[in-house]
Amino acid sequence: MTEKRSQHAKPTPVKHVGKGRPVTEEQFQKFLENYAHTGLLGHSARAADMSPEAVRKRRMNDEEFAKACEEALQTYRETLEMEVHRRAVTGWDEPVYQKGEFVGTIRRYSDRLLELQVKRHIPEYRDKFSVAAEVKGGVMVVPSTPASMDDWESQFGEKARGTTSHTGGKE
């Protein structure tokens, strides 16, 4: 029994990208389609025959395009979520052969993916961490930045005696 992995079309193969050419709106749309399918910015840009830098520049300068990129990435994340759910909860049929002949299937599940889903959705199953820290010692607060080591020594030398020595470049 064969199973379709996705109902979406496969991403466009990567091509050599020329530099310095103007990027068309069709290329940006092709990028968004590939980005929604792969979640990979560089791969999707090259598949649309453009540079990743062209995408980054437009995303910084065009709020609407930036939103479209985020939506495409969210679509990809949801595809991943569906696949995690399928492997963890729904499972898949794995063929069983004996002496080279097909005798049936066995239903398989991913215990690890199920564990991750449970930890994500049910707080009681999450790992508990606590951090206890105790600081000993003191902190010297320097109110301003002296211009040189000599200035620092004249300003703080009495308090920090023995913590530094400065010869001013002379031995």
C-alpha atoms as a PDB file:
ATOM      1  CA  MET A   1       0.000   0.000   0.000  1.00  0.00           C
ATOM      2  CA  THR A   2       1.527   3.270  -1.046  1.00  0.00           C
ATOM      3  CA  GLU A   3       0.792   6.473   0.761  1.00  0.00           C
ATOM      4  CA  LYS A   4       0.844  10.048  -0.459  1.00  0.00           C
ATOM      5  CA  ARG A   5       3.094  12.124   1.748  1.00  0.00           C
ATOM      6  CA  SER A   6       1.558  15.452   0.813  1.00  0.00           C
ATOM      7  CA  GLN A   7      -1.249  16.778  -1.292  1.00  0.00           C
ATOM      8  CA  HIS A   8       0.907  19.748  -2.306  1.00  0.00           C
ATOM      9  CA  ALA A   9       3.003  19.817  -5.440  1.00  0.00           C
ATOM     10  CA  LYS A  10       6.702  19.120  -5.059  1.00  0.00           C
ATOM     11  CA  PRO A  11       8.945  22.182  -4.752  1.00  0.00           C
ATOM     12  CA  THR A  12      10.579  23.438  -7.908  1.00  0.00           C
ATOM     13  CA  PRO A  13      14.141  22.158  -8.424  1.00  0.00           C
ATOM     14  CA  VAL A  14      16.955  24.576  -7.611  1.00  0.00           C
ATOM     15  CA  LYS A  15      18.427  26.477 -10.573  1.00  0.00           C
ATOM     16  CA  HIS A  16      21.510  28.636 -11.000  1.00  0.00           C
ATOM     17  CA  VAL A  17      20.637  32.161  -9.896  1.00  0.00           C
ATOM     18  CA  GLY A  18      21.790  35.126 -11.951  1.00  0.00           C
ATOM     19  CA  LYS A  19      22.771  38.293 -10.129  1.00  0.00           C
ATOM     20  CA  GLY A  20      21.732  41.817 -10.903  1.00  0.00           C
ATOM     21  CA  ARG A  21      18.550  40.981 -12.783  1.00  0.00           C
ATOM     22  CA  PRO A  22      15.278  42.591 -11.711  1.00  0.00           C
ATOM     23  CA  VAL A  23      13.008  40.190  -9.836  1.00  0.00           C
ATOM     24  CA  THR A  24       9.444  39.854 -11.088  1.00  0.00           C
ATOM     25  CA  GLU A  25       6.295  39.545  -9.015  1.00  0.00           C
ATOM     26  CA  GLU A  26       5.857  36.036 -10.482  1.00  0.00           C
ATOM     27  CA  GLN A  27       9.241  35.056  -9.041  1.00  0.00           C
ATOM     28  CA  PHE A  28       8.217  36.314  -5.611  1.00  0.00           C
ATOM     29  CA  GLN A  29       4.976  34.304  -5.850  1.00  0.00           C
ATOM     30  CA  LYS A  30       6.927  31.204  -6.877  1.00  0.00           C
ATOM     31  CA  PHE A  31       9.222  31.813  -3.896  1.00  0.00           C
ATOM     32  CA  LEU A  32       6.226  31.978  -1.522  1.00  0.00           C
ATOM     33  CA  GLU A  33       4.801  28.716  -2.909  1.00  0.00           C
ATOM     34  CA  ASN A  34       8.124  26.920  -2.430  1.00  0.00           C
ATOM     35  CA  TYR A  35       8.651  28.500   0.985  1.00  0.00           C
ATOM     36  CA  ALA A  36       5.265  27.224   2.160  1.00  0.00           C
ATOM     37  CA  HIS A  37       6.253  23.742   0.981  1.00  0.00           C
ATOM     38  CA  THR A  38       9.848  23.552   2.260  1.00  0.00           C
ATOM     39  CA  GLY A  39      10.292  26.202   4.955  1.00  0.00           C
ATOM     40  CA  LEU A  40      13.746  26.886   3.465  1.00  0.00           C
ATOM     41  CA  LEU A  41      14.305  30.512   2.454  1.00  0.00           C
ATOM     42  CA  GLY A  42      17.478  30.065   0.405  1.00  0.00           C
ATOM     43  CA  HIS A  43      16.263  26.966  -1.426  1.00  0.00           C
ATOM     44  CA  SER A  44      12.910  28.584  -2.190  1.00  0.00           C
ATOM     45  CA  ALA A  45      14.551  31.762  -3.493  1.00  0.00           C
ATOM     46  CA  ARG A  46      16.881  29.832  -5.788  1.00  0.00           C
ATOM     47  CA  ALA A  47      13.958  27.697  -6.992  1.00  0.00           C
ATOM     48  CA  ALA A  48      12.287  30.965  -8.037  1.00  0.00           C
ATOM     49  CA  ASP A  49      15.506  31.963  -9.858  1.00  0.00           C
ATOM     50  CA  MET A  50      16.353  34.774  -7.470  1.00  0.00           C
ATOM     51  CA  SER A  51      18.801  35.389  -4.664  1.00  0.00           C
ATOM     52  CA  PRO A  52      17.940  34.922  -0.989  1.00  0.00           C
ATOM     53  CA  GLU A  53      19.164  38.491  -0.483  1.00  0.00           C
ATOM     54  CA  ALA A  54      16.415  39.784  -2.824  1.00  0.00           C
ATOM     55  CA  VAL A  55      13.860  38.102  -0.569  1.00  0.00           C
ATOM     56  CA  ARG A  56      15.421  39.529   2.591  1.00  0.00           C
ATOM     57  CA  LYS A  57      15.514  43.039   1.137  1.00  0.00           C
ATOM     58  CA  ARG A  58      11.892  42.942   0.026  1.00  0.00           C
ATOM     59  CA  ARG A  59      10.824  41.496   3.369  1.00  0.00           C
ATOM     60  CA  MET A  60      12.486  44.402   5.178  1.00  0.00           C
ATOM     61  CA  ASN A  61      10.989  47.036   2.866  1.00  0.00           C
ATOM     62  CA  ASP A  62       7.531  45.577   2.167  1.00  0.00           C
ATOM     63  CA  GLU A  63       5.351  44.866   5.199  1.00  0.00           C
ATOM     64  CA  GLU A  64       2.754  43.041   3.107  1.00  0.00           C
ATOM     65  CA  PHE A  65       5.402  40.718   1.626  1.00  0.00           C
ATOM     66  CA  ALA A  66       6.858  40.135   5.095  1.00  0.00           C
ATOM     67  CA  LYS A  67       3.392  39.065   6.249  1.00  0.00           C
ATOM     68  CA  ALA A  68       3.046  36.747   3.224  1.00  0.00           C
ATOM     69  CA  CYS A  69       6.423  35.176   4.121  1.00  0.00           C
ATOM     70  CA  GLU A  70       5.278  34.602   7.700  1.00  0.00           C
ATOM     71  CA  GLU A  71       2.032  33.030   6.443  1.00  0.00           C
ATOM     72  CA  ALA A  72       3.990  30.739   4.091  1.00  0.00           C
ATOM     73  CA  LEU A  73       6.258  29.703   6.962  1.00  0.00           C
ATOM     74  CA  GLN A  74       3.195  29.080   9.146  1.00  0.00           C
ATOM     75  CA  THR A  75       1.756  26.851   6.403  1.00  0.00           C
ATOM     76  CA  TYR A  76       4.990  24.856   6.428  1.00  0.00           C
ATOM     77  CA  ARG A  77       4.893  24.564  10.221  1.00  0.00           C
ATOM     78  CA  GLU A  78       1.324  23.272  10.071  1.00  0.00           C
ATOM     79  CA  THR A  79       2.405  20.668   7.503  1.00  0.00           C
ATOM     80  CA  LEU A  80       5.081  19.526   9.952  1.00  0.00           C
ATOM     81  CA  GLU A  81       2.531  19.426  12.767  1.00  0.00           C
ATOM     82  CA  MET A  82       0.208  17.251  10.667  1.00  0.00           C
ATOM     83  CA  GLU A  83       3.054  14.854   9.892  1.00  0.00           C
ATOM     84  CA  VAL A  84       4.089  14.666  13.554  1.00  0.00           C
ATOM     85  CA  HIS A  85       0.477  13.916  14.485  1.00  0.00           C
ATOM     86  CA  ARG A  86       0.204  11.255  11.784  1.00  0.00           C
ATOM     87  CA  ARG A  87       3.376   9.486  12.897  1.00  0.00           C
ATOM     88  CA  ALA A  88       2.635   9.775  16.626  1.00  0.00           C
ATOM     89  CA  VAL A  89      -1.125   9.227  16.803  1.00  0.00           C
ATOM     90  CA  THR A  90      -2.436   7.803  13.539  1.00  0.00           C
ATOM     91  CA  GLY A  91       0.620   5.725  12.759  1.00  0.00           C
ATOM     92  CA  TRP A  92       1.496   3.991   9.496  1.00  0.00           C
ATOM     93  CA  ASP A  93       1.300   0.484   8.120  1.00  0.00           C
ATOM     94  CA  GLU A  94       4.614  -1.269   7.703  1.00  0.00           C
ATOM     95  CA  PRO A  95       4.678  -4.337   5.438  1.00  0.00           C
ATOM     96  CA  VAL A  96       5.702  -7.663   6.968  1.00  0.00           C
ATOM     97  CA  TYR A  97       7.454 -10.320   4.890  1.00  0.00           C
ATOM     98  CA  GLN A  98       8.279 -13.894   5.794  1.00  0.00           C
ATOM     99  CA  LYS A  99      10.532 -15.936   3.555  1.00  0.00           C
ATOM    100  CA  GLY A 100      10.312 -13.206   0.940  1.00  0.00           C
ATOM    101  CA  GLU A 101       6.508 -13.197   0.771  1.00  0.00           C
ATOM    102  CA  PHE A 102       4.192 -10.447   1.933  1.00  0.00           C
ATOM    103  CA  VAL A 103       2.113 -11.723   4.859  1.00  0.00           C
ATOM    104  CA  GLY A 104       0.467  -8.542   6.117  1.00  0.00           C
ATOM    105  CA  THR A 105       1.132  -5.226   7.809  1.00  0.00           C
ATOM    106  CA  ILE A 106       1.942  -4.052  11.272  1.00  0.00           C
ATOM    107  CA  ARG A 107       0.799  -0.655  12.575  1.00  0.00           C
ATOM    108  CA  ARG A 108       3.752   1.466  13.735  1.00  0.00           C
ATOM    109  CA  TYR A 109       3.778   4.633  15.831  1.00  0.00           C
ATOM    110  CA  SER A 110       6.515   7.018  16.924  1.00  0.00           C
ATOM    111  CA  ASP A 111       6.684   6.947  20.704  1.00  0.00           C
ATOM    112  CA  ARG A 112       9.171   9.820  20.736  1.00  0.00           C
ATOM    113  CA  LEU A 113       6.957  12.117  18.653  1.00  0.00           C
ATOM    114  CA  LEU A 114       3.981  11.226  20.844  1.00  0.00           C
ATOM    115  CA  GLU A 115       6.043  12.101  23.929  1.00  0.00           C
ATOM    116  CA  LEU A 116       6.940  15.480  22.441  1.00  0.00           C
ATOM    117  CA  GLN A 117       3.306  16.195  21.561  1.00  0.00           C
ATOM    118  CA  VAL A 118       2.151  15.277  25.061  1.00  0.00           C
ATOM    119  CA  LYS A 119       4.808  17.515  26.642  1.00  0.00           C
ATOM    120  CA  ARG A 120       3.784  20.358  24.370  1.00  0.00           C
ATOM    121  CA  HIS A 121       0.070  20.140  25.057  1.00  0.00           C
ATOM    122  CA  ILE A 122      -0.136  18.833  28.645  1.00  0.00           C
ATOM    123  CA  PRO A 123       1.882  20.889  31.171  1.00  0.00           C
ATOM    124  CA  GLU A 124       1.964  18.112  33.788  1.00  0.00           C
ATOM    125  CA  TYR A 125       4.162  16.017  31.466  1.00  0.00           C
ATOM    126  CA  ARG A 126       6.727  18.724  30.823  1.00  0.00           C
ATOM    127  CA  ASP A 127      10.204  18.428  32.291  1.00  0.00           C
ATOM    128  CA  LYS A 128      10.536  20.405  35.496  1.00  0.00           C
ATOM    129  CA  PHE A 129      13.539  22.659  35.871  1.00  0.00           C
ATOM    130  CA  SER A 130      14.519  24.821  38.797  1.00  0.00           C
ATOM    131  CA  VAL A 131      17.560  26.979  39.142  1.00  0.00           C
ATOM    132  CA  ALA A 132      18.992  28.067  42.468  1.00  0.00           C
ATOM    133  CA  ALA A 133      21.820  30.558  42.408  1.00  0.00           C
ATOM    134  CA  GLU A 134      23.771  32.147  45.210  1.00  0.00           C
ATOM    135  CA  VAL A 135      26.178  34.974  44.493  1.00  0.00           C
ATOM    136  CA  LYS A 136      29.082  35.518  46.850  1.00  0.00           C
ATOM    137  CA  GLY A 137      31.528  38.336  46.693  1.00  0.00           C
ATOM    138  CA  GLY A 138      31.185  41.912  45.697  1.00  0.00           C
ATOM    139  CA  VAL A 139      30.782  43.959  42.614  1.00  0.00           C
ATOM    140  CA  MET A 140      32.686  47.115  41.912  1.00  0.00           C
ATOM    141  CA  VAL A 141      30.454  49.745  40.372  1.00  0.00           C
ATOM    142  CA  VAL A 142      32.272  52.142  38.104  1.00  0.00           C
ATOM    143  CA  PRO A 143      30.198  55.285  37.613  1.00  0.00           C
ATOM    144  CA  SER A 144      31.994  56.506  34.487  1.00  0.00           C
ATOM    145  CA  THR A 145      34.572  55.296  32.032  1.00  0.00           C
ATOM    146  CA  PRO A 146      38.016  56.803  32.665  1.00  0.00           C
ATOM    147  CA  ALA A 147      39.930  57.862  29.551  1.00  0.00           C
ATOM    148  CA  SER A 148      43.064  55.804  30.337  1.00  0.00           C
ATOM    149  CA  MET A 149      44.460  53.270  32.772  1.00  0.00           C
ATOM    150  CA  ASP A 150      46.298  56.089  34.572  1.00  0.00           C
ATOM    151  CA  ASP A 151      42.994  57.944  35.040  1.00  0.00           C
ATOM    152  CA  TRP A 152      41.403  54.717  36.293  1.00  0.00           C
ATOM    153  CA  GLU A 153      44.194  54.147  38.810  1.00  0.00           C
ATOM    154  CA  SER A 154      44.016  57.715  40.081  1.00  0.00           C
ATOM    155  CA  GLN A 155      40.234  57.498  40.431  1.00  0.00           C
ATOM    156  CA  PHE A 156      39.908  53.947  41.838  1.00  0.00           C
ATOM    157  CA  GLY A 157      43.458  52.982  42.832  1.00  0.00           C
ATOM    158  CA  GLU A 158      42.896  53.159  46.600  1.00  0.00           C
ATOM    159  CA  LYS A 159      39.855  50.864  46.393  1.00  0.00           C
ATOM    160  CA  ALA A 160      41.379  48.437  43.907  1.00  0.00           C
ATOM    161  CA  ARG A 161      44.959  48.431  45.167  1.00  0.00           C
ATOM    162  CA  GLY A 162      46.746  45.341  43.916  1.00  0.00           C
ATOM    163  CA  THR A 163      44.194  44.442  41.253  1.00  0.00           C
ATOM    164  CA  THR A 164      46.026  46.105  38.410  1.00  0.00           C
ATOM    165  CA  SER A 165      49.398  47.422  37.473  1.00  0.00           C
ATOM    166  CA  HIS A 166      49.958  49.765  34.641  1.00  0.00           C
ATOM    167  CA  THR A 167      53.282  51.044  33.436  1.00  0.00           C
ATOM    168  CA  GLY A 168      51.895  53.208  30.672  1.00  0.00           C
ATOM    169  CA  GLY A 169      53.855  51.241  28.069  1.00  0.00           C
ATOM    170  CA  LYS A 170      57.173  51.778  29.931  1.00  0.00           C
ATOM    171  CA  GLU A 171      59.027  48.927  31.608  1.00  0.00           C
END
